[in-house]
Amino acid sequence: MAKKTGLTKAPPKPRTADEFVMAGRQIQPAAGEPMKRFTLDVPRSLHTRIKKACADRGEPMADVLREILEREFPR
């Protein structure tokens, strides 16, 4: 008779880096368009200023930065 350990099968691992990053997130694609992620290195002081300004406005950093990018790079 096989010994039961109470362990269950591990959940499947994400297939891509994007799936890994987005796992468990509730980000809605803009106008049904798939989202992509990129990494941007900035000085700590700039990150702090952006984060503080966004917190003061009550807006997520990602939303504010997406708006800036849309203005800078219109369709």
PDB file of N, CA and C in Angstrom:
ATOM      1  N   MET A   1       0.845  -1.179   0.000  1.00  0.00           N
ATOM      2  CA  MET A   1       0.000   0.000   0.000  1.00  0.00           C
ATOM      3  C   MET A   1       0.894   1.248   0.000  1.00  0.00           C
ATOM      4  N   ALA A   2       0.554   2.230  -0.840  1.00  0.00           N
ATOM      5  CA  ALA A   2       1.358   3.440  -0.958  1.00  0.00           C
ATOM      6  C   ALA A   2       1.104   4.375   0.217  1.00  0.00           C
ATOM      7  N   LYS A   3       2.170   4.993   0.685  1.00  0.00           N
ATOM      8  CA  LYS A   3       2.064   5.937   1.792  1.00  0.00           C
ATOM      9  C   LYS A   3       1.558   7.279   1.256  1.00  0.00           C
ATOM     10  N   LYS A   4       0.567   7.869   1.927  1.00  0.00           N
ATOM     11  CA  LYS A   4       0.029   9.168   1.514  1.00  0.00           C
ATOM     12  C   LYS A   4       0.720  10.263   2.319  1.00  0.00           C
ATOM     13  N   THR A   5       1.200  11.296   1.608  1.00  0.00           N
ATOM     14  CA  THR A   5       1.924  12.380   2.283  1.00  0.00           C
ATOM     15  C   THR A   5       1.075  13.607   2.503  1.00  0.00           C
ATOM     16  N   GLY A   6      -0.060  13.694   1.803  1.00  0.00           N
ATOM     17  CA  GLY A   6      -0.884  14.890   1.932  1.00  0.00           C
ATOM     18  C   GLY A   6      -0.459  16.004   0.977  1.00  0.00           C
ATOM     19  N   LEU A   7       0.608  15.762   0.235  1.00  0.00           N
ATOM     20  CA  LEU A   7       1.074  16.753  -0.721  1.00  0.00           C
ATOM     21  C   LEU A   7       0.270  16.652  -2.008  1.00  0.00           C
ATOM     22  N   THR A   8       0.092  17.766  -2.657  1.00  0.00           N
ATOM     23  CA  THR A   8      -0.616  17.771  -3.930  1.00  0.00           C
ATOM     24  C   THR A   8       0.360  18.115  -5.043  1.00  0.00           C
ATOM     25  N   LYS A   9      -0.089  17.900  -6.243  1.00  0.00           N
ATOM     26  CA  LYS A   9       0.733  18.197  -7.413  1.00  0.00           C
ATOM     27  C   LYS A   9       0.989  19.703  -7.498  1.00  0.00           C
ATOM     28  N   ALA A  10       2.219  20.085  -7.818  1.00  0.00           N
ATOM     29  CA  ALA A  10       2.581  21.495  -7.935  1.00  0.00           C
ATOM     30  C   ALA A  10       1.847  22.117  -9.117  1.00  0.00           C
ATOM     31  N   PRO A  11       1.472  23.405  -9.002  1.00  0.00           N
ATOM     32  CA  PRO A  11       0.813  24.073 -10.128  1.00  0.00           C
ATOM     33  C   PRO A  11       1.778  24.188 -11.301  1.00  0.00           C
ATOM     34  N   PRO A  12       1.248  24.257 -12.521  1.00  0.00           N
ATOM     35  CA  PRO A  12       2.140  24.368 -13.681  1.00  0.00           C
ATOM     36  C   PRO A  12       2.928  25.665 -13.639  1.00  0.00           C
ATOM     37  N   LYS A  13       4.170  25.603 -14.101  1.00  0.00           N
ATOM     38  CA  LYS A  13       5.015  26.791 -14.134  1.00  0.00           C
ATOM     39  C   LYS A  13       4.637  27.654 -15.334  1.00  0.00           C
ATOM     40  N   PRO A  14       4.725  28.989 -15.201  1.00  0.00           N
ATOM     41  CA  PRO A  14       4.443  29.854 -16.355  1.00  0.00           C
ATOM     42  C   PRO A  14       5.370  29.510 -17.511  1.00  0.00           C
ATOM     43  N   ARG A  15       4.863  29.656 -18.727  1.00  0.00           N
ATOM     44  CA  ARG A  15       5.633  29.275 -19.904  1.00  0.00           C
ATOM     45  C   ARG A  15       6.590  30.368 -20.367  1.00  0.00           C
ATOM     46  N   THR A  16       6.249  31.639 -20.163  1.00  0.00           N
ATOM     47  CA  THR A  16       7.107  32.716 -20.649  1.00  0.00           C
ATOM     48  C   THR A  16       7.396  33.687 -19.510  1.00  0.00           C
ATOM     49  N   ALA A  17       8.373  34.559 -19.732  1.00  0.00           N
ATOM     50  CA  ALA A  17       8.696  35.578 -18.738  1.00  0.00           C
ATOM     51  C   ALA A  17       7.502  36.505 -18.526  1.00  0.00           C
ATOM     52  N   ASP A  18       6.798  36.872 -19.599  1.00  0.00           N
ATOM     53  CA  ASP A  18       5.631  37.752 -19.467  1.00  0.00           C
ATOM     54  C   ASP A  18       4.552  37.097 -18.612  1.00  0.00           C
ATOM     55  N   GLU A  19       4.316  35.798 -18.821  1.00  0.00           N
ATOM     56  CA  GLU A  19       3.324  35.094 -18.014  1.00  0.00           C
ATOM     57  C   GLU A  19       3.742  35.062 -16.551  1.00  0.00           C
ATOM     58  N   PHE A  20       5.041  34.883 -16.308  1.00  0.00           N
ATOM     59  CA  PHE A  20       5.545  34.868 -14.935  1.00  0.00           C
ATOM     60  C   PHE A  20       5.309  36.218 -14.259  1.00  0.00           C
ATOM     61  N   VAL A  21       5.663  37.300 -14.952  1.00  0.00           N
ATOM     62  CA  VAL A  21       5.537  38.645 -14.376  1.00  0.00           C
ATOM     63  C   VAL A  21       4.077  38.996 -14.141  1.00  0.00           C
ATOM     64  N   MET A  22       3.221  38.622 -15.079  1.00  0.00           N
ATOM     65  CA  MET A  22       1.819  39.021 -14.992  1.00  0.00           C
ATOM     66  C   MET A  22       0.978  38.078 -14.121  1.00  0.00           C
ATOM     67  N   ALA A  23       1.547  36.957 -13.683  1.00  0.00           N
ATOM     68  CA  ALA A  23       0.789  35.991 -12.897  1.00  0.00           C
ATOM     69  C   ALA A  23       0.188  36.667 -11.668  1.00  0.00           C
ATOM     70  N   GLY A  24      -1.116  36.536 -11.518  1.00  0.00           N
ATOM     71  CA  GLY A  24      -1.801  37.082 -10.357  1.00  0.00           C
ATOM     72  C   GLY A  24      -2.109  38.564 -10.444  1.00  0.00           C
ATOM     73  N   ARG A  25      -1.720  39.220 -11.503  1.00  0.00           N
ATOM     74  CA  ARG A  25      -1.998  40.652 -11.629  1.00  0.00           C
ATOM     75  C   ARG A  25      -3.317  40.869 -12.353  1.00  0.00           C
ATOM     76  N   GLN A  26      -3.954  41.976 -12.055  1.00  0.00           N
ATOM     77  CA  GLN A  26      -5.248  42.290 -12.651  1.00  0.00           C
ATOM     78  C   GLN A  26      -5.152  43.478 -13.609  1.00  0.00           C
ATOM     79  N   ILE A  27      -4.039  43.625 -14.302  1.00  0.00           N
ATOM     80  CA  ILE A  27      -3.870  44.734 -15.236  1.00  0.00           C
ATOM     81  C   ILE A  27      -4.731  44.472 -16.460  1.00  0.00           C
ATOM     82  N   GLN A  28      -5.564  45.442 -16.799  1.00  0.00           N
ATOM     83  CA  GLN A  28      -6.426  45.315 -17.959  1.00  0.00           C
ATOM     84  C   GLN A  28      -5.743  45.912 -19.176  1.00  0.00           C
ATOM     85  N   PRO A  29      -5.676  45.175 -20.275  1.00  0.00           N
ATOM     86  CA  PRO A  29      -5.072  45.726 -21.488  1.00  0.00           C
ATOM     87  C   PRO A  29      -5.847  46.939 -21.982  1.00  0.00           C
ATOM     88  N   ALA A  30      -5.111  47.910 -22.511  1.00  0.00           N
ATOM     89  CA  ALA A  30      -5.728  49.114 -23.070  1.00  0.00           C
ATOM     90  C   ALA A  30      -6.426  48.740 -24.363  1.00  0.00           C
ATOM     91  N   ALA A  31      -7.721  48.982 -24.433  1.00  0.00           N
ATOM     92  CA  ALA A  31      -8.520  48.744 -25.639  1.00  0.00           C
ATOM     93  C   ALA A  31      -8.330  47.324 -26.174  1.00  0.00           C
ATOM     94  N   GLY A  32      -8.217  46.356 -25.281  1.00  0.00           N
ATOM     95  CA  GLY A  32      -8.087  44.974 -25.697  1.00  0.00           C
ATOM     96  C   GLY A  32      -6.724  44.609 -26.253  1.00  0.00           C
ATOM     97  N   GLU A  33      -5.787  45.518 -26.212  1.00  0.00           N
ATOM     98  CA  GLU A  33      -4.446  45.265 -26.745  1.00  0.00           C
ATOM     99  C   GLU A  33      -3.599  44.567 -25.688  1.00  0.00           C
ATOM    100  N   PRO A  34      -2.846  43.539 -26.073  1.00  0.00           N
ATOM    101  CA  PRO A  34      -1.993  42.853 -25.096  1.00  0.00           C
ATOM    102  C   PRO A  34      -0.943  43.801 -24.511  1.00  0.00           C
ATOM    103  N   MET A  35      -0.631  43.585 -23.246  1.00  0.00           N
ATOM    104  CA  MET A  35       0.358  44.415 -22.570  1.00  0.00           C
ATOM    105  C   MET A  35       1.737  43.776 -22.697  1.00  0.00           C
ATOM    106  N   LYS A  36       2.776  44.604 -22.745  1.00  0.00           N
ATOM    107  CA  LYS A  36       4.171  44.170 -22.739  1.00  0.00           C
ATOM    108  C   LYS A  36       4.874  44.919 -21.615  1.00  0.00           C
ATOM    109  N   ARG A  37       5.916  44.321 -21.071  1.00  0.00           N
ATOM    110  CA  ARG A  37       6.656  44.921 -19.965  1.00  0.00           C
ATOM    111  C   ARG A  37       8.073  45.204 -20.422  1.00  0.00           C
ATOM    112  N   PHE A  38       8.617  46.332 -19.953  1.00  0.00           N
ATOM    113  CA  PHE A  38      10.034  46.583 -20.158  1.00  0.00           C
ATOM    114  C   PHE A  38      10.621  47.168 -18.893  1.00  0.00           C
ATOM    115  N   THR A  39      11.921  47.020 -18.747  1.00  0.00           N
ATOM    116  CA  THR A  39      12.621  47.484 -17.553  1.00  0.00           C
ATOM    117  C   THR A  39      13.395  48.737 -17.898  1.00  0.00           C
ATOM    118  N   LEU A  40      13.329  49.706 -17.021  1.00  0.00           N
ATOM    119  CA  LEU A  40      14.024  50.968 -17.224  1.00  0.00           C
ATOM    120  C   LEU A  40      14.790  51.287 -15.943  1.00  0.00           C
ATOM    121  N   ASP A  41      16.090  51.456 -16.056  1.00  0.00           N
ATOM    122  CA  ASP A  41      16.905  51.819 -14.898  1.00  0.00           C
ATOM    123  C   ASP A  41      16.959  53.340 -14.788  1.00  0.00           C
ATOM    124  N   VAL A  42      16.625  53.846 -13.606  1.00  0.00           N
ATOM    125  CA  VAL A  42      16.677  55.290 -13.339  1.00  0.00           C
ATOM    126  C   VAL A  42      17.410  55.500 -12.022  1.00  0.00           C
ATOM    127  N   PRO A  43      17.972  56.688 -11.842  1.00  0.00           N
ATOM    128  CA  PRO A  43      18.614  56.977 -10.553  1.00  0.00           C
ATOM    129  C   PRO A  43      17.602  56.875  -9.405  1.00  0.00           C
ATOM    130  N   ARG A  44      18.090  56.447  -8.267  1.00  0.00           N
ATOM    131  CA  ARG A  44      17.223  56.293  -7.096  1.00  0.00           C
ATOM    132  C   ARG A  44      16.477  57.595  -6.782  1.00  0.00           C
ATOM    133  N   SER A  45      17.163  58.730  -6.902  1.00  0.00           N
ATOM    134  CA  SER A  45      16.514  60.006  -6.568  1.00  0.00           C
ATOM    135  C   SER A  45      15.331  60.295  -7.497  1.00  0.00           C
ATOM    136  N   LEU A  46      15.459  59.954  -8.786  1.00  0.00           N
ATOM    137  CA  LEU A  46      14.354  60.157  -9.729  1.00  0.00           C
ATOM    138  C   LEU A  46      13.207  59.215  -9.399  1.00  0.00           C
ATOM    139  N   HIS A  47      13.517  57.970  -9.113  1.00  0.00           N
ATOM    140  CA  HIS A  47      12.487  57.004  -8.736  1.00  0.00           C
ATOM    141  C   HIS A  47      11.716  57.486  -7.507  1.00  0.00           C
ATOM    142  N   THR A  48      12.445  57.999  -6.535  1.00  0.00           N
ATOM    143  CA  THR A  48      11.813  58.497  -5.309  1.00  0.00           C
ATOM    144  C   THR A  48      10.890  59.681  -5.614  1.00  0.00           C
ATOM    145  N   ARG A  49      11.349  60.604  -6.464  1.00  0.00           N
ATOM    146  CA  ARG A  49      10.513  61.764  -6.817  1.00  0.00           C
ATOM    147  C   ARG A  49       9.244  61.331  -7.541  1.00  0.00           C
ATOM    148  N   ILE A  50       9.386  60.405  -8.479  1.00  0.00           N
ATOM    149  CA  ILE A  50       8.221  59.924  -9.220  1.00  0.00           C
ATOM    150  C   ILE A  50       7.250  59.220  -8.276  1.00  0.00           C
ATOM    151  N   LYS A  51       7.777  58.342  -7.451  1.00  0.00           N
ATOM    152  CA  LYS A  51       6.936  57.571  -6.529  1.00  0.00           C
ATOM    153  C   LYS A  51       6.191  58.495  -5.565  1.00  0.00           C
ATOM    154  N   LYS A  52       6.880  59.510  -5.039  1.00  0.00           N
ATOM    155  CA  LYS A  52       6.248  60.452  -4.107  1.00  0.00           C
ATOM    156  C   LYS A  52       5.157  61.260  -4.803  1.00  0.00           C
ATOM    157  N   ALA A  53       5.460  61.765  -6.000  1.00  0.00           N
ATOM    158  CA  ALA A  53       4.477  62.558  -6.737  1.00  0.00           C
ATOM    159  C   ALA A  53       3.237  61.718  -7.054  1.00  0.00           C
ATOM    160  N   CYS A  54       3.438  60.476  -7.458  1.00  0.00           N
ATOM    161  CA  CYS A  54       2.306  59.603  -7.761  1.00  0.00           C
ATOM    162  C   CYS A  54       1.491  59.307  -6.508  1.00  0.00           C
ATOM    163  N   ALA A  55       2.170  59.068  -5.387  1.00  0.00           N
ATOM    164  CA  ALA A  55       1.467  58.817  -4.134  1.00  0.00           C
ATOM    165  C   ALA A  55       0.666  60.041  -3.710  1.00  0.00           C
ATOM    166  N   ASP A  56       1.247  61.239  -3.882  1.00  0.00           N
ATOM    167  CA  ASP A  56       0.534  62.474  -3.531  1.00  0.00           C
ATOM    168  C   ASP A  56      -0.731  62.643  -4.367  1.00  0.00           C
ATOM    169  N   ARG A  57      -0.673  62.208  -5.629  1.00  0.00           N
ATOM    170  CA  ARG A  57      -1.827  62.296  -6.537  1.00  0.00           C
ATOM    171  C   ARG A  57      -2.790  61.132  -6.354  1.00  0.00           C
ATOM    172  N   GLY A  58      -2.331  60.084  -5.671  1.00  0.00           N
ATOM    173  CA  GLY A  58      -3.164  58.899  -5.511  1.00  0.00           C
ATOM    174  C   GLY A  58      -3.264  58.079  -6.786  1.00  0.00           C
ATOM    175  N   GLU A  59      -2.236  58.147  -7.621  1.00  0.00           N
ATOM    176  CA  GLU A  59      -2.225  57.419  -8.889  1.00  0.00           C
ATOM    177  C   GLU A  59      -1.083  56.410  -8.902  1.00  0.00           C
ATOM    178  N   PRO A  60      -1.307  55.239  -9.491  1.00  0.00           N
ATOM    179  CA  PRO A  60      -0.214  54.267  -9.618  1.00  0.00           C
ATOM    180  C   PRO A  60       0.879  54.787 -10.549  1.00  0.00           C
ATOM    181  N   MET A  61       2.123  54.512 -10.198  1.00  0.00           N
ATOM    182  CA  MET A  61       3.251  54.941 -11.036  1.00  0.00           C
ATOM    183  C   MET A  61       3.100  54.451 -12.465  1.00  0.00           C
ATOM    184  N   ALA A  62       2.693  53.215 -12.624  1.00  0.00           N
ATOM    185  CA  ALA A  62       2.587  52.640 -13.971  1.00  0.00           C
ATOM    186  C   ALA A  62       1.612  53.430 -14.835  1.00  0.00           C
ATOM    187  N   ASP A  63       0.479  53.842 -14.259  1.00  0.00           N
ATOM    188  CA  ASP A  63      -0.501  54.621 -15.027  1.00  0.00           C
ATOM    189  C   ASP A  63       0.072  55.960 -15.459  1.00  0.00           C
ATOM    190  N   VAL A  64       0.747  56.636 -14.536  1.00  0.00           N
ATOM    191  CA  VAL A  64       1.334  57.947 -14.843  1.00  0.00           C
ATOM    192  C   VAL A  64       2.408  57.814 -15.918  1.00  0.00           C
ATOM    193  N   LEU A  65       3.266  56.824 -15.790  1.00  0.00           N
ATOM    194  CA  LEU A  65       4.335  56.643 -16.775  1.00  0.00           C
ATOM    195  C   LEU A  65       3.778  56.252 -18.136  1.00  0.00           C
ATOM    196  N   ARG A  66       2.713  55.439 -18.164  1.00  0.00           N
ATOM    197  CA  ARG A  66       2.080  55.112 -19.449  1.00  0.00           C
ATOM    198  C   ARG A  66       1.519  56.363 -20.107  1.00  0.00           C
ATOM    199  N   GLU A  67       0.907  57.258 -19.332  1.00  0.00           N
ATOM    200  CA  GLU A  67       0.367  58.505 -19.883  1.00  0.00           C
ATOM    201  C   GLU A  67       1.484  59.361 -20.477  1.00  0.00           C
ATOM    202  N   ILE A  68       2.604  59.449 -19.767  1.00  0.00           N
ATOM    203  CA  ILE A  68       3.754  60.237 -20.270  1.00  0.00           C
ATOM    204  C   ILE A  68       4.265  59.632 -21.571  1.00  0.00           C
ATOM    205  N   LEU A  69       4.398  58.310 -21.616  1.00  0.00           N
ATOM    206  CA  LEU A  69       4.879  57.653 -22.836  1.00  0.00           C
ATOM    207  C   LEU A  69       3.902  57.847 -24.003  1.00  0.00           C
ATOM    208  N   GLU A  70       2.610  57.782 -23.732  1.00  0.00           N
ATOM    209  CA  GLU A  70       1.623  58.021 -24.793  1.00  0.00           C
ATOM    210  C   GLU A  70       1.723  59.441 -25.344  1.00  0.00           C
ATOM    211  N   ARG A  71       1.945  60.413 -24.471  1.00  0.00           N
ATOM    212  CA  ARG A  71       2.090  61.810 -24.937  1.00  0.00           C
ATOM    213  C   ARG A  71       3.359  61.976 -25.767  1.00  0.00           C
ATOM    214  N   GLU A  72       4.447  61.361 -25.323  1.00  0.00           N
ATOM    215  CA  GLU A  72       5.733  61.503 -25.999  1.00  0.00           C
ATOM    216  C   GLU A  72       5.767  60.742 -27.321  1.00  0.00           C
ATOM    217  N   PHE A  73       5.040  59.635 -27.385  1.00  0.00           N
ATOM    218  CA  PHE A  73       5.065  58.779 -28.575  1.00  0.00           C
ATOM    219  C   PHE A  73       3.651  58.532 -29.081  1.00  0.00           C
ATOM    220  N   PRO A  74       3.004  59.566 -29.620  1.00  0.00           N
ATOM    221  CA  PRO A  74       1.627  59.390 -30.101  1.00  0.00           C
ATOM    222  C   PRO A  74       1.587  58.422 -31.294  1.00  0.00           C
ATOM    223  N   ARG A  75       0.416  57.881 -31.535  1.00  0.00           N
ATOM    224  CA  ARG A  75       0.251  56.920 -32.635  1.00  0.00           C
ATOM    225  C   ARG A  75       0.565  57.544 -33.967  1.00  0.00           C
TER     226      ARG A  75
END
